[in-house]
Amino acid sequence: MTTRWVALLRGIAPMNPNQKNADQRGACEAAGFTRVASIQSSGNLVFDADTDVRDEVTRRLERAWTERLGFTSRTFVRTPDELQSLVDLQPYGEQEHGPAAYQLVTFFDQPPALDFAVPHEVESHGLRVVHATPTELFTVNDTSLGKGTPSVMAWLQKTFGKDLTSRTFPTLSRILKKC
């Protein structure tokens, strides 16, 4: 059995010589995965695996980053069908992604503890939580106000810890096109 997977790496810096797309693809292949492709320069990979066990795929990838490339990166794994179901939710309605409506999807492996109802305003960060699934949080903020993505990431990490990674909502469609 072959399963198609998507890996979303946390904290990838494309300028880091050990975190380039080609190196990530090579490490993924060395971990036994096939049909490996990268999307953009921020730690997004699609690949085939000989297993449908998410935890096994995650362990193999995280071990490959350390052993082959010398860095650690928390890696979040989803199937293309799971990503498609997130896109199909249309959590932002008709609102288009852009500076005035910067749409982020934050991924967790375990359900985050929400001490608020959704939708939820975080006025101090110019942020609105618009939707939540058990393992994803959908936010939108106006980056033209000067608070931007670093402010949102600071709030997410302060609120939920560092066991998460985020992508723009349009990135999900870019990833799906490679699947």
Protein backbone atom coordinates (compact mmCIF):
# COMPACT_ATOMS: atom_id res chain seq x y z
CA MET A 1 0.00 0.00 0.00
CA THR A 2 1.23 3.48 -0.88
CA THR A 3 -0.08 6.61 0.82
CA ARG A 4 0.46 10.17 -0.41
CA TRP A 5 1.47 12.55 2.40
CA VAL A 6 2.13 16.23 2.92
CA ALA A 7 4.77 17.34 5.43
CA LEU A 8 4.74 20.84 6.90
CA LEU A 9 8.00 21.64 8.66
CA ARG A 10 8.19 24.21 11.44
CA GLY A 11 10.77 26.99 11.48
CA ILE A 12 12.44 26.46 8.11
CA ALA A 13 14.77 29.24 6.96
CA PRO A 14 15.49 28.82 3.23
CA MET A 15 18.73 30.79 3.61
CA ASN A 16 20.06 28.16 6.05
CA PRO A 17 22.40 25.98 3.97
CA ASN A 18 21.03 22.77 5.56
CA GLN A 19 17.39 23.67 4.98
CA LYS A 20 17.26 24.08 1.22
CA ASN A 21 14.50 22.31 -0.72
CA ALA A 22 16.90 19.94 -2.49
CA ASP A 23 18.40 18.85 0.83
CA GLN A 24 14.98 18.31 2.37
CA ARG A 25 13.92 16.21 -0.63
CA GLY A 26 17.12 14.17 -0.38
CA ALA A 27 16.60 13.52 3.32
CA CYS A 28 13.01 12.53 2.66
CA GLU A 29 14.13 10.07 -0.02
CA ALA A 30 16.84 8.70 2.28
CA ALA A 31 14.10 8.04 4.85
CA GLY A 32 12.51 5.71 2.28
CA PHE A 33 9.89 7.99 0.74
CA THR A 34 9.29 8.30 -3.00
CA ARG A 35 7.84 10.79 -5.52
CA VAL A 36 9.11 13.62 -3.31
CA ALA A 37 8.38 17.21 -4.33
CA SER A 38 8.79 20.51 -2.51
CA ILE A 39 6.48 23.49 -2.67
CA GLN A 40 7.85 27.01 -2.20
CA SER A 41 10.82 27.53 0.10
CA SER A 42 9.29 27.05 3.50
CA GLY A 43 9.36 23.37 4.35
CA ASN A 44 6.41 21.97 2.41
CA LEU A 45 6.89 18.50 0.96
CA VAL A 46 4.64 15.96 -0.73
CA PHE A 47 5.69 12.33 -1.05
CA ASP A 48 4.59 8.71 -1.11
CA ALA A 49 5.13 6.36 1.80
CA ASP A 50 4.84 2.63 2.23
CA THR A 51 2.73 3.22 5.34
CA ASP A 52 -0.48 4.94 6.30
CA VAL A 53 0.63 5.35 9.93
CA ARG A 54 1.01 9.08 10.54
CA ASP A 55 3.23 8.75 13.62
CA GLU A 56 5.66 6.47 11.77
CA VAL A 57 5.94 8.93 8.87
CA THR A 58 6.51 11.82 11.27
CA ARG A 59 9.21 9.93 13.23
CA ARG A 60 11.06 8.94 10.07
CA LEU A 61 11.05 12.50 8.75
CA GLU A 62 12.09 14.15 12.01
CA ARG A 63 14.92 11.64 12.38
CA ALA A 64 16.04 12.35 8.79
CA TRP A 65 16.28 16.11 9.43
CA THR A 66 18.55 15.50 12.41
CA GLU A 67 20.67 12.66 11.05
CA ARG A 68 21.10 13.85 7.46
CA LEU A 69 20.81 17.63 7.69
CA GLY A 70 21.81 18.45 11.28
CA PHE A 71 18.70 20.37 12.34
CA THR A 72 15.54 19.58 14.23
CA SER A 73 12.15 20.59 12.96
CA ARG A 74 8.76 19.71 14.32
CA THR A 75 6.98 18.16 11.33
CA PHE A 76 3.22 18.05 10.84
CA VAL A 77 1.89 15.41 8.46
CA ARG A 78 -1.45 15.41 6.65
CA THR A 79 -2.92 13.56 3.68
CA PRO A 80 -3.98 15.49 0.58
CA ASP A 81 -7.60 14.57 1.38
CA GLU A 82 -7.25 16.16 4.82
CA LEU A 83 -5.86 19.37 3.30
CA GLN A 84 -8.60 19.38 0.67
CA SER A 85 -11.24 19.13 3.39
CA LEU A 86 -9.74 22.25 5.02
CA VAL A 87 -9.91 24.16 1.74
CA ASP A 88 -13.48 22.94 1.22
CA LEU A 89 -14.50 24.42 4.58
CA GLN A 90 -14.11 27.89 3.07
CA PRO A 91 -13.47 29.32 6.55
CA TYR A 92 -12.83 32.82 5.18
CA GLY A 93 -15.96 32.92 3.04
CA GLU A 94 -15.61 35.27 0.07
CA GLN A 95 -12.84 37.31 1.71
CA GLU A 96 -9.66 37.24 -0.36
CA HIS A 97 -6.21 36.72 1.10
CA GLY A 98 -4.04 39.85 1.06
CA PRO A 99 -2.46 42.46 3.35
CA ALA A 100 -5.82 43.61 4.72
CA ALA A 101 -6.96 40.01 5.27
CA TYR A 102 -3.88 37.87 5.85
CA GLN A 103 -5.21 34.33 6.22
CA LEU A 104 -3.22 31.79 8.23
CA VAL A 105 -3.94 28.16 8.99
CA THR A 106 -2.13 26.87 12.07
CA PHE A 107 -1.58 23.13 12.38
CA PHE A 108 -1.38 21.11 15.60
CA ASP A 109 -0.96 17.38 16.16
CA GLN A 110 -3.09 17.44 19.30
CA PRO A 111 -6.25 19.51 19.74
CA PRO A 112 -5.30 22.89 21.18
CA ALA A 113 -7.00 23.96 24.39
CA LEU A 114 -9.20 26.89 23.42
CA ASP A 115 -10.22 29.07 26.35
CA PHE A 116 -12.41 31.17 24.08
CA ALA A 117 -15.32 30.70 21.71
CA VAL A 118 -14.76 30.92 17.97
CA PRO A 119 -14.97 33.40 16.31
CA HIS A 120 -12.68 35.32 18.64
CA GLU A 121 -11.04 38.76 18.45
CA VAL A 122 -7.50 39.32 19.71
CA GLU A 123 -7.51 43.10 19.42
CA SER A 124 -4.01 43.58 20.84
CA HIS A 125 -2.64 41.69 17.82
CA GLY A 126 -5.15 42.81 15.19
CA LEU A 127 -6.19 39.19 14.86
CA ARG A 128 -9.45 37.31 14.48
CA VAL A 129 -9.80 33.56 14.95
CA VAL A 130 -12.50 32.71 12.41
CA HIS A 131 -12.73 28.91 12.56
CA ALA A 132 -11.28 25.88 14.32
CA THR A 133 -11.14 22.17 13.64
CA PRO A 134 -9.78 19.67 16.15
CA THR A 135 -6.21 20.18 14.85
CA GLU A 136 -6.27 23.45 12.89
CA LEU A 137 -6.94 27.08 13.71
CA PHE A 138 -7.91 29.60 11.01
CA THR A 139 -6.97 33.23 11.64
CA VAL A 140 -7.07 36.48 9.70
CA ASN A 141 -5.35 39.75 10.43
CA ASP A 142 -4.76 43.09 8.78
CA THR A 143 -1.00 43.21 8.17
CA SER A 144 -1.30 46.70 6.75
CA LEU A 145 -1.82 47.97 10.32
CA GLY A 146 1.81 47.19 11.12
CA LYS A 147 1.23 44.25 13.48
CA GLY A 148 1.75 41.57 10.85
CA THR A 149 2.60 37.90 10.94
CA PRO A 150 5.32 38.10 13.64
CA SER A 151 2.70 39.47 16.05
CA VAL A 152 0.27 36.68 15.15
CA MET A 153 2.94 34.01 15.56
CA ALA A 154 3.92 35.49 18.94
CA TRP A 155 0.30 35.28 20.09
CA LEU A 156 -0.09 31.72 18.79
CA GLN A 157 3.08 30.55 20.56
CA LYS A 158 2.24 32.36 23.80
CA THR A 159 -1.29 30.93 23.75
CA PHE A 160 -0.58 27.38 22.50
CA GLY A 161 3.18 26.78 22.78
CA LYS A 162 5.63 26.03 20.00
CA ASP A 163 4.19 22.66 18.95
CA LEU A 164 2.53 24.17 15.86
CA THR A 165 3.24 25.48 12.38
CA SER A 166 1.34 27.89 10.15
CA ARG A 167 0.79 28.37 6.42
CA THR A 168 -1.16 30.91 4.46
CA PHE A 169 -4.49 29.62 3.27
CA PRO A 170 -3.51 29.99 -0.44
CA THR A 171 -0.46 27.79 0.24
CA LEU A 172 -2.80 24.85 0.89
CA SER A 173 -4.05 25.08 -2.71
CA ARG A 174 -0.47 25.31 -4.00
CA ILE A 175 0.43 22.18 -2.07
CA LEU A 176 -2.63 20.32 -3.35
CA LYS A 177 -1.69 21.09 -6.96
CA LYS A 178 1.58 19.15 -6.39
CA CYS A 179 -0.20 16.15 -4.91
